[in-house]
Protein backbone atom coordinates (compact mmCIF):
# COMPACT_ATOMS: atom_id res chain seq x y z
CA MET A 1 16.30 24.66 -74.68
CA ALA A 2 15.20 28.27 -74.99
CA GLY A 3 17.50 30.35 -77.16
CA THR A 4 19.20 27.31 -78.69
CA SER A 5 19.96 27.55 -82.42
CA ILE A 6 19.06 24.56 -84.58
CA ASP A 7 22.69 24.73 -85.79
CA GLU A 8 23.69 23.16 -82.47
CA PHE A 9 21.98 19.91 -83.51
CA VAL A 10 23.15 19.63 -87.14
CA GLY A 11 24.93 16.32 -87.68
CA LEU A 12 23.60 14.80 -84.46
CA LEU A 13 21.05 12.08 -83.79
CA VAL A 14 18.06 13.58 -81.96
CA SER A 15 14.54 12.78 -80.78
CA PHE A 16 11.46 15.04 -80.64
CA ARG A 17 9.55 14.87 -77.36
CA THR A 18 6.00 16.25 -77.21
CA SER A 19 4.28 18.03 -74.35
CA HIS A 20 2.59 14.68 -73.57
CA GLY A 21 5.93 12.97 -72.99
CA THR A 22 5.57 10.92 -76.20
CA TYR A 23 7.85 11.05 -79.23
CA VAL A 24 7.60 11.66 -82.96
CA SER A 25 8.17 8.22 -84.47
CA ALA A 26 9.08 6.80 -87.88
CA THR A 27 7.18 3.57 -87.26
CA PRO A 28 8.64 0.15 -88.16
CA GLY A 29 6.17 -0.32 -91.03
CA GLY A 30 7.37 2.80 -92.78
CA GLU A 31 3.86 4.20 -93.01
CA GLY A 32 4.86 7.63 -91.83
CA ALA A 33 5.66 9.91 -88.95
CA LYS A 34 3.26 9.86 -86.04
CA LEU A 35 3.22 10.54 -82.34
CA GLN A 36 4.59 7.46 -80.65
CA GLN A 37 2.34 6.43 -77.78
CA GLY A 38 5.11 5.01 -75.68
CA VAL A 39 8.64 5.44 -74.48
CA LEU A 40 11.66 6.25 -76.61
CA ASN A 41 13.22 3.15 -78.18
CA ASP A 42 16.48 2.58 -80.02
CA VAL A 43 15.46 3.16 -83.64
CA TRP A 44 12.11 4.59 -84.65
CA GLU A 45 12.11 7.79 -82.60
CA LYS A 46 15.59 8.95 -83.59
CA PHE A 47 16.32 11.37 -86.43
CA TRP A 48 19.32 13.15 -87.96
CA ILE A 49 19.21 16.92 -88.44
CA GLU A 50 20.98 18.01 -91.64
CA ASP A 51 21.85 21.46 -92.96
CA ALA A 52 19.88 21.88 -96.21
CA GLY A 53 21.39 25.29 -97.02
CA ASN A 54 20.04 28.84 -97.10
CA GLY A 55 19.03 28.68 -93.44
CA THR A 56 16.89 25.54 -93.87
CA TYR A 57 17.22 22.08 -92.32
CA SER A 58 16.05 18.56 -93.09
CA ILE A 59 15.05 15.77 -90.71
CA LYS A 60 16.16 12.26 -91.67
CA SER A 61 14.76 9.05 -90.17
CA ASN A 62 17.49 6.97 -88.55
CA ALA A 63 15.45 3.82 -89.19
CA HIS A 64 14.57 4.30 -92.87
CA GLY A 65 17.10 6.83 -94.16
CA THR A 66 14.15 8.85 -95.50
CA TYR A 67 13.10 12.39 -94.67
CA ILE A 68 10.16 14.05 -92.97
CA ARG A 69 8.55 16.34 -95.55
CA ALA A 70 5.58 18.69 -95.87
CA HIS A 71 3.35 16.51 -98.08
CA ASP A 72 0.18 17.79 -99.72
CA GLY A 73 -2.36 15.54 -98.05
CA GLY A 74 -5.48 16.80 -99.81
CA GLY A 75 -4.57 17.40 -103.41
CA GLY A 76 -4.02 21.11 -102.89
CA SER A 77 -1.11 23.36 -101.99
CA ALA A 78 -2.52 25.12 -98.94
CA VAL A 79 -0.20 25.30 -95.95
CA ASP A 80 -2.86 23.84 -93.65
CA LYS A 81 -2.87 20.62 -95.74
CA CYS A 82 0.83 19.94 -95.32
CA ILE A 83 1.54 16.69 -93.50
CA PRO A 84 5.00 16.01 -92.02
CA ARG A 85 5.96 12.39 -92.64
CA ALA A 86 9.01 10.12 -92.61
CA ASP A 87 8.55 8.09 -95.78
CA ASP A 88 7.84 8.76 -99.43
CA GLY A 89 4.93 6.38 -99.98
CA GLY A 90 2.18 8.87 -99.37
CA GLN A 91 0.95 7.08 -96.26
CA GLY A 92 2.09 9.69 -93.75
CA ALA A 93 -0.03 10.20 -90.66
CA LYS A 94 -0.79 13.79 -89.74
CA ILE A 95 1.20 15.26 -86.89
CA ASN A 96 -0.72 18.54 -86.97
CA GLN A 97 -2.07 20.91 -89.60
CA GLN A 98 -1.90 23.98 -87.40
CA THR A 99 -0.67 27.20 -89.03
CA PHE A 100 0.56 28.79 -85.79
CA VAL A 101 2.71 27.58 -82.90
CA GLY A 102 0.74 26.63 -79.81
CA PRO A 103 1.45 24.12 -76.99
CA TRP A 104 0.94 21.13 -79.31
CA GLU A 105 3.32 22.46 -81.95
CA LYS A 106 6.28 22.72 -79.58
CA PHE A 107 8.82 19.91 -79.24
CA GLU A 108 11.76 19.33 -76.93
CA ILE A 109 14.82 18.23 -78.92
CA ASN A 110 16.89 15.62 -77.10
CA VAL A 111 20.32 14.64 -78.43
CA GLU A 112 20.63 10.87 -78.79
CA SER A 113 24.17 10.77 -80.25
CA ALA A 114 26.48 9.19 -77.67
CA VAL A 115 29.36 11.40 -76.53
CA ASP A 116 32.72 9.80 -77.29
CA GLU A 117 35.41 12.16 -75.99
CA LEU A 118 36.28 15.68 -74.91
CA ILE A 119 39.37 16.87 -76.76
CA ASN A 120 41.33 20.14 -77.05
CA PHE A 121 40.46 21.08 -73.47
CA THR A 122 41.85 24.59 -72.77
CA TYR A 123 41.50 27.21 -70.03
CA ASP A 124 41.07 30.92 -70.78
CA VAL A 125 43.45 32.15 -68.08
CA ASP A 126 43.39 35.69 -69.49
CA HIS A 127 39.79 35.99 -68.30
CA ALA A 128 40.22 34.16 -64.99
CA GLN A 129 38.81 35.80 -61.87
CA ILE A 130 40.44 35.46 -58.43
CA VAL A 131 37.55 35.57 -55.98
CA SER A 132 39.47 35.46 -52.69
CA THR A 133 42.93 34.81 -51.25
CA THR A 134 43.53 33.48 -47.72
CA PRO A 135 46.81 32.69 -45.88
CA LYS A 136 46.84 29.18 -44.45
CA ALA A 137 49.01 27.25 -42.01
CA LEU A 138 48.85 23.54 -41.26
CA ALA A 139 49.51 21.75 -38.00
CA SER A 140 53.12 22.09 -36.91
CA GLN A 141 55.73 19.53 -35.89
CA SER A 142 58.25 20.13 -33.08
CA GLN A 143 61.53 19.00 -31.56
CA GLU A 144 62.54 19.42 -27.91
CA ASN A 145 66.06 19.71 -26.52
CA ASN A 146 66.04 18.87 -22.83
CA SER A 147 69.82 18.81 -22.59
CA ASP A 148 72.16 21.55 -21.47
CA LEU A 149 73.81 21.73 -24.90
CA GLU A 150 72.67 22.87 -28.33
CA GLN A 151 71.54 19.90 -30.42
CA SER A 152 71.41 19.39 -34.20
CA MET A 153 68.07 17.80 -35.04
CA SER A 154 65.57 17.38 -37.87
CA ILE A 155 61.93 18.31 -37.88
CA ASN A 156 60.01 16.03 -40.22
CA ILE A 157 56.82 17.39 -41.75
CA ASN A 158 54.41 15.12 -43.58
CA THR A 159 50.91 16.47 -43.95
CA SER A 160 48.29 17.03 -46.64
CA TYR A 161 45.66 19.52 -47.71
CA ALA A 162 42.59 18.96 -49.91
CA ARG A 163 41.62 21.52 -52.55
CA THR A 164 38.08 21.43 -53.93
CA PHE A 165 36.80 22.35 -57.39
CA THR A 166 33.96 21.86 -59.87
CA TRP A 167 33.62 21.97 -63.65
CA THR A 168 30.50 23.91 -64.58
CA LEU A 169 28.99 23.18 -68.00
CA LYS A 170 27.43 26.17 -69.81
CA THR A 171 26.77 25.13 -73.41
CA GLY A 172 27.30 21.39 -73.52
CA ARG A 173 23.93 20.14 -72.30
CA LYS A 174 22.23 21.08 -75.55
CA VAL A 175 24.57 18.81 -77.49
CA GLY A 176 23.96 15.84 -75.23
CA LEU A 177 26.59 16.04 -72.50
CA LYS A 178 25.13 14.55 -69.37
CA ALA A 179 26.77 13.21 -66.23
CA ALA A 180 30.31 12.46 -67.32
CA SER A 181 32.66 12.29 -70.27
CA LYS A 182 36.27 11.21 -70.63
CA VAL A 183 39.20 13.32 -71.76
CA THR A 184 41.99 12.14 -74.03
CA THR A 185 44.87 13.73 -72.10
CA ALA A 186 45.59 14.62 -68.51
CA ALA A 187 43.48 17.57 -67.46
CA GLU A 188 45.81 20.15 -65.96
CA LEU A 189 44.31 22.39 -63.33
CA PRO A 190 44.63 26.16 -62.81
CA THR A 191 46.98 27.51 -60.17
CA ILE A 192 48.74 30.81 -59.38
CA VAL A 193 52.36 31.51 -60.28
CA SER A 194 53.91 34.92 -59.54
CA ALA A 195 50.48 36.45 -58.86
CA LYS A 196 49.11 35.25 -62.23
CA VAL A 197 46.70 32.44 -63.05
CA GLU A 198 48.41 29.70 -65.03
CA VAL A 199 47.73 26.06 -65.87
CA SER A 200 50.15 23.71 -64.17
CA SER A 201 50.87 20.01 -64.68
CA GLU A 202 51.75 19.94 -60.98
CA PHE A 203 48.03 19.80 -60.32
CA ALA A 204 47.08 17.49 -63.21
CA THR A 205 44.29 14.98 -62.87
CA GLU A 206 44.75 11.47 -64.22
CA GLU A 207 44.24 10.58 -67.88
CA SER A 208 40.63 9.72 -68.82
CA THR A 209 39.32 11.67 -65.86
CA GLU A 210 35.55 11.41 -65.44
CA PHE A 211 34.17 14.94 -65.64
CA ASN A 212 31.17 15.07 -63.30
CA TRP A 213 29.56 18.40 -64.12
CA GLY A 214 28.60 20.46 -61.09
CA LYS A 215 29.83 17.91 -58.54
CA GLU A 216 32.46 19.08 -56.06
CA LEU A 217 35.70 17.15 -56.51
CA ARG A 218 38.72 16.97 -54.22
CA GLN A 219 42.43 16.77 -54.89
CA VAL A 220 44.85 16.14 -52.04
CA THR A 221 48.22 17.92 -52.00
CA THR A 222 50.92 16.38 -49.80
CA PHE A 223 53.61 18.46 -48.09
CA SER A 224 56.75 16.57 -47.01
CA ALA A 225 60.04 17.98 -45.75
CA SER A 226 62.89 17.20 -43.40
CA LEU A 227 64.17 20.45 -41.91
CA PRO A 228 67.62 20.45 -40.22
CA VAL A 229 67.59 22.69 -37.15
CA LYS A 230 69.84 23.59 -34.24
CA VAL A 231 67.79 23.52 -31.07
CA PRO A 232 69.14 25.60 -28.15
CA PRO A 233 69.36 23.90 -24.74
CA LYS A 234 66.13 23.55 -22.75
CA THR A 235 64.00 24.80 -25.65
CA MET A 236 61.55 23.57 -28.25
CA LEU A 237 61.39 24.46 -31.94
CA LYS A 238 58.24 24.24 -34.03
CA ALA A 239 57.98 24.11 -37.81
CA ARG A 240 54.83 24.53 -39.89
CA VAL A 241 53.67 24.64 -43.48
CA SER A 242 52.55 28.07 -44.64
CA PHE A 243 50.86 28.84 -47.98
CA PHE A 244 48.17 30.85 -49.71
CA GLU A 245 44.87 29.47 -50.94
CA SER A 246 42.96 31.34 -53.66
CA VAL A 247 39.47 30.64 -54.95
CA MET A 248 39.17 31.20 -58.71
CA ASN A 249 36.71 31.10 -61.60
CA VAL A 250 38.41 30.16 -64.87
CA PRO A 251 36.53 29.87 -68.22
CA TRP A 252 37.31 26.82 -70.38
CA GLN A 253 36.33 25.33 -73.71
CA ALA A 254 36.62 21.88 -75.29
CA THR A 255 35.60 19.99 -78.41
CA VAL A 256 33.10 17.12 -78.16
CA THR A 257 33.29 14.11 -80.47
CA PHE A 258 30.40 11.67 -80.90
CA VAL A 259 30.14 7.93 -81.54
CA GLY A 260 29.25 7.03 -85.12
CA THR A 261 29.62 10.50 -86.67
CA SER A 262 32.42 12.87 -87.63
CA THR A 263 30.42 15.79 -86.22
CA THR A 264 32.15 17.78 -83.47
CA LYS A 265 30.81 20.54 -81.25
CA VAL A 266 32.65 23.19 -79.22
CA ILE A 267 31.39 23.53 -75.66
CA THR A 268 32.24 26.03 -72.92
CA GLY A 269 32.07 26.22 -69.17
CA GLU A 270 33.83 27.43 -66.05
CA TRP A 271 36.24 25.85 -63.61
CA ASN A 272 35.45 26.94 -60.04
CA GLY A 273 37.87 25.96 -57.34
CA SER A 274 40.78 26.63 -55.03
CA THR A 275 44.52 26.44 -55.54
CA VAL A 276 47.50 26.28 -53.18
CA TYR A 277 50.69 28.23 -53.91
CA ASP A 278 53.71 30.02 -52.37
CA VAL A 279 54.35 27.08 -50.04
CA THR A 280 57.00 27.71 -47.37
CA TYR A 281 58.20 25.86 -44.29
CA VAL A 282 58.41 28.24 -41.33
CA ILE A 283 60.45 27.63 -38.18
CA ASP A 284 59.07 29.56 -35.23
CA PRO A 285 61.28 31.20 -32.57
CA PRO A 286 62.43 28.77 -29.83
CA VAL A 287 60.19 28.30 -26.81
CA VAL A 288 61.83 27.81 -23.41
CA LEU A 289 60.76 24.54 -21.82
CA ALA A 290 59.12 24.66 -18.42
CA LEU A 291 61.37 23.59 -15.56
CA SER A 292 60.49 20.15 -14.27
């Protein structure tokens, strides 16, 4: 979480995990904030972070609707007597009275708000990077003419090629995105048109695609054609699929919505994958058949 601004968590439900693996807890009895000596549960260890203005923030108990505050626990106003607590009854248990940040004063903030959807998913094609481009050819199909006359025939091609890609998440983990999230519309994929990176519906994934961050995914492209040819006598004609494959890195951004709150967060990442383009069907020169 290093370098993360607290602004990233405003409006979200979070938990505070200590270096022991325990959690700050607003206990069921309402007697105050303490270090929970157990695992995270559904209510008492979850808090809302709210923007209190002027660069300050407040922490609200999800269970009680009350706030952790620096309470004067000894009748004085010294900083070292301030006690963070989650209720207003004066019963707050001390979390720590340390005046500097050491190992025990550091907490890991975990987002507990459930991700609902990814919306407004867009690619930044202007900053796309083409890493490599390679010509490809798939297995060919052929027709033989063993007669002494030219024959009109068809060469039928039906083959497929799998492109691979990943969605890399750069900023979303700190707002709670984990393994997968759904999208509200079909996620179009980058491709190359006239030597430029564009987003094409030709390579769209299905609606409500499960984004599995960092996992390599595959999409199969099918090539089908029936090519009319005139095959000279005693020869064979071959036809093949020819295309280019480019590997690209394309930045993207999307908006995250969460269950139970109107809060949204903008996240960014990178699409890393290959694309197929400039597909042509090539008929090779005739090959004379061996005499039998």
